[in-house]
C-alpha atoms as a PDB file:
ATOM      1  CA  MET A   1       6.449   0.222 -19.049  1.00  0.00           C
ATOM      2  CA  THR A   2       3.516  -1.410 -17.275  1.00  0.00           C
ATOM      3  CA  ALA A   3       1.235   0.761 -15.148  1.00  0.00           C
ATOM      4  CA  ILE A   4       0.140  -0.704 -11.810  1.00  0.00           C
ATOM      5  CA  THR A   5      -3.517   0.102 -11.104  1.00  0.00           C
ATOM      6  CA  ASN A   6      -3.969  -1.973  -7.949  1.00  0.00           C
ATOM      7  CA  TRP A   7      -1.640  -2.482  -4.979  1.00  0.00           C
ATOM      8  CA  ASP A   8      -2.361  -6.221  -5.139  1.00  0.00           C
ATOM      9  CA  ALA A   9      -0.505  -6.322  -8.457  1.00  0.00           C
ATOM     10  CA  VAL A  10       2.767  -5.485  -6.685  1.00  0.00           C
ATOM     11  CA  PRO A  11       4.429  -8.738  -5.626  1.00  0.00           C
ATOM     12  CA  ALA A  12       6.255  -9.412  -2.379  1.00  0.00           C
ATOM     13  CA  PHE A  13       9.959  -9.076  -3.089  1.00  0.00           C
ATOM     14  CA  THR A  14      12.647 -11.320  -1.663  1.00  0.00           C
ATOM     15  CA  SER A  15      15.422  -8.751  -2.119  1.00  0.00           C
ATOM     16  CA  GLU A  16      15.985  -5.087  -2.866  1.00  0.00           C
ATOM     17  CA  GLU A  17      17.599  -6.085  -6.135  1.00  0.00           C
ATOM     18  CA  GLU A  18      14.473  -7.968  -7.200  1.00  0.00           C
ATOM     19  CA  GLU A  19      12.359  -4.965  -6.220  1.00  0.00           C
ATOM     20  CA  ALA A  20      14.601  -2.575  -8.180  1.00  0.00           C
ATOM     21  CA  ASP A  21      14.359  -4.789 -11.277  1.00  0.00           C
ATOM     22  CA  TYR A  22      10.575  -4.826 -10.950  1.00  0.00           C
ATOM     23  CA  TRP A  23      10.281  -1.027 -10.753  1.00  0.00           C
ATOM     24  CA  LYS A  24      12.480  -0.634 -13.846  1.00  0.00           C
ATOM     25  CA  GLU A  25       9.623  -2.185 -15.851  1.00  0.00           C
ATOM     26  CA  HIS A  26       6.603  -0.975 -13.845  1.00  0.00           C
ATOM     27  CA  ARG A  27       5.196   2.297 -12.561  1.00  0.00           C
ATOM     28  CA  LEU A  28       2.236   3.319 -10.430  1.00  0.00           C
ATOM     29  CA  ASP A  29      -0.822   4.580 -12.244  1.00  0.00           C
ATOM     30  CA  LEU A  30      -1.473   8.225 -11.363  1.00  0.00           C
ATOM     31  CA  ARG A  31      -5.012   7.377 -10.214  1.00  0.00           C
ATOM     32  CA  LEU A  32      -3.600   4.912  -7.699  1.00  0.00           C
ATOM     33  CA  MET A  33      -1.208   7.541  -6.362  1.00  0.00           C
ATOM     34  CA  ASP A  34      -4.039  10.105  -6.199  1.00  0.00           C
ATOM     35  CA  ALA A  35      -6.225   7.588  -4.352  1.00  0.00           C
ATOM     36  CA  ALA A  36      -3.449   7.151  -1.789  1.00  0.00           C
ATOM     37  CA  VAL A  37      -3.413  10.885  -1.148  1.00  0.00           C
ATOM     38  CA  VAL A  38      -7.212  11.117  -0.979  1.00  0.00           C
ATOM     39  CA  ALA A  39      -7.461   8.087   1.314  1.00  0.00           C
ATOM     40  CA  GLY A  40      -5.046   9.736   3.702  1.00  0.00           C
ATOM     41  CA  ALA A  41      -7.113  12.919   3.725  1.00  0.00           C
ATOM     42  CA  GLU A  42     -10.521  11.310   4.330  1.00  0.00           C
ATOM     43  CA  SER A  43     -10.613  12.070   8.015  1.00  0.00           C
ATOM     44  CA  THR A  44      -9.196  14.848  10.086  1.00  0.00           C
ATOM     45  CA  ASP A  45      -9.904  12.983  13.329  1.00  0.00           C
ATOM     46  CA  SER A  46      -7.686  10.076  14.177  1.00  0.00           C
ATOM     47  CA  ILE A  47      -6.930   7.737  17.017  1.00  0.00           C
ATOM     48  CA  THR A  48      -3.592   6.164  17.838  1.00  0.00           C
ATOM     49  CA  VAL A  49      -3.399   2.385  17.486  1.00  0.00           C
ATOM     50  CA  THR A  50      -0.434   0.271  18.533  1.00  0.00           C
ATOM     51  CA  LEU A  51       0.502  -2.829  16.557  1.00  0.00           C
ATOM     52  CA  ARG A  52       3.279  -5.231  17.399  1.00  0.00           C
ATOM     53  CA  MET A  53       5.028  -6.822  14.460  1.00  0.00           C
ATOM     54  CA  ASP A  54       8.203  -8.541  13.503  1.00  0.00           C
ATOM     55  CA  PRO A  55      10.982  -5.988  12.843  1.00  0.00           C
ATOM     56  CA  ARG A  56      11.742  -7.603   9.481  1.00  0.00           C
ATOM     57  CA  MET A  57       8.126  -7.167   8.403  1.00  0.00           C
ATOM     58  CA  LEU A  58       8.199  -3.510   9.403  1.00  0.00           C
ATOM     59  CA  SER A  59      11.436  -3.020   7.454  1.00  0.00           C
ATOM     60  CA  ARG A  60       9.849  -4.528   4.348  1.00  0.00           C
ATOM     61  CA  ILE A  61       6.759  -2.344   4.759  1.00  0.00           C
ATOM     62  CA  LYS A  62       8.918   0.760   5.089  1.00  0.00           C
ATOM     63  CA  ARG A  63      10.927  -0.232   2.015  1.00  0.00           C
ATOM     64  CA  LEU A  64       7.735  -0.718   0.000  1.00  0.00           C
ATOM     65  CA  ALA A  65       6.384   2.622   1.167  1.00  0.00           C
ATOM     66  CA  ARG A  66       9.622   4.407   0.237  1.00  0.00           C
ATOM     67  CA  SER A  67       9.507   2.900  -3.243  1.00  0.00           C
ATOM     68  CA  ARG A  68       6.006   4.362  -3.630  1.00  0.00           C
ATOM     69  CA  TYR A  69       6.993   7.731  -2.134  1.00  0.00           C
ATOM     70  CA  LEU A  70       4.541   7.202   0.733  1.00  0.00           C
ATOM     71  CA  ASN A  71       4.795   7.363   4.486  1.00  0.00           C
ATOM     72  CA  TYR A  72       4.645   3.758   5.685  1.00  0.00           C
ATOM     73  CA  GLN A  73       1.866   4.503   8.161  1.00  0.00           C
ATOM     74  CA  SER A  74      -0.236   6.095   5.419  1.00  0.00           C
ATOM     75  CA  MET A  75       0.349   3.089   3.193  1.00  0.00           C
ATOM     76  CA  VAL A  76      -0.743   0.671   5.938  1.00  0.00           C
ATOM     77  CA  LYS A  77      -3.872   2.772   6.524  1.00  0.00           C
ATOM     78  CA  GLN A  78      -4.578   2.658   2.793  1.00  0.00           C
ATOM     79  CA  TRP A  79      -4.176  -1.132   2.760  1.00  0.00           C
ATOM     80  CA  LEU A  80      -6.569  -1.458   5.677  1.00  0.00           C
ATOM     81  CA  SER A  81      -9.068   0.858   4.013  1.00  0.00           C
ATOM     82  CA  GLU A  82      -8.902  -1.047   0.711  1.00  0.00           C
ATOM     83  CA  ARG A  83      -9.316  -4.378   2.471  1.00  0.00           C
ATOM     84  CA  MET A  84     -12.238  -3.097   4.516  1.00  0.00           C
ATOM     85  CA  GLU A  85     -13.978  -1.911   1.339  1.00  0.00           C
ATOM     86  CA  GLN A  86     -13.331  -5.286  -0.291  1.00  0.00           C
ATOM     87  CA  GLU A  87     -14.744  -7.143   2.704  1.00  0.00           C
ATOM     88  CA  LEU A  88     -17.840  -4.936   2.712  1.00  0.00           C
ATOM     89  CA  ARG A  89     -18.358  -5.489  -1.046  1.00  0.00           C
ATOM     90  CA  ASP A  90     -17.906  -9.249  -0.609  1.00  0.00           C
ATOM     91  CA  LYS A  91     -20.369  -9.262   2.261  1.00  0.00           C
ATOM     92  CA  THR A  92     -23.070  -7.538   0.192  1.00  0.00           C
ATOM     93  CA  MET A  93     -22.535 -10.049  -2.643  1.00  0.00           C
ATOM     94  CA  ARG A  94     -23.411 -13.009  -0.431  1.00  0.00           C
END
């Protein structure tokens, strides 16, 4: 079984069947799951933000989050945090 150490390694699935087949052969690395929990606990203060998105996209996000045993909002926050860190690293490399 292959351990996933980065969320970018998880492909976009075209069907639930394809996703189920993928997770039969892959699992999340425990450090990645721990990082998701820690990222969600970084701040006790929060602000509400409203995003409009296609209902199909939201359904896919929720499905992905469920497969990772995460709340979809926490997963989106984690994605944003990871991307922000990547952008900041890339900016310092220039």
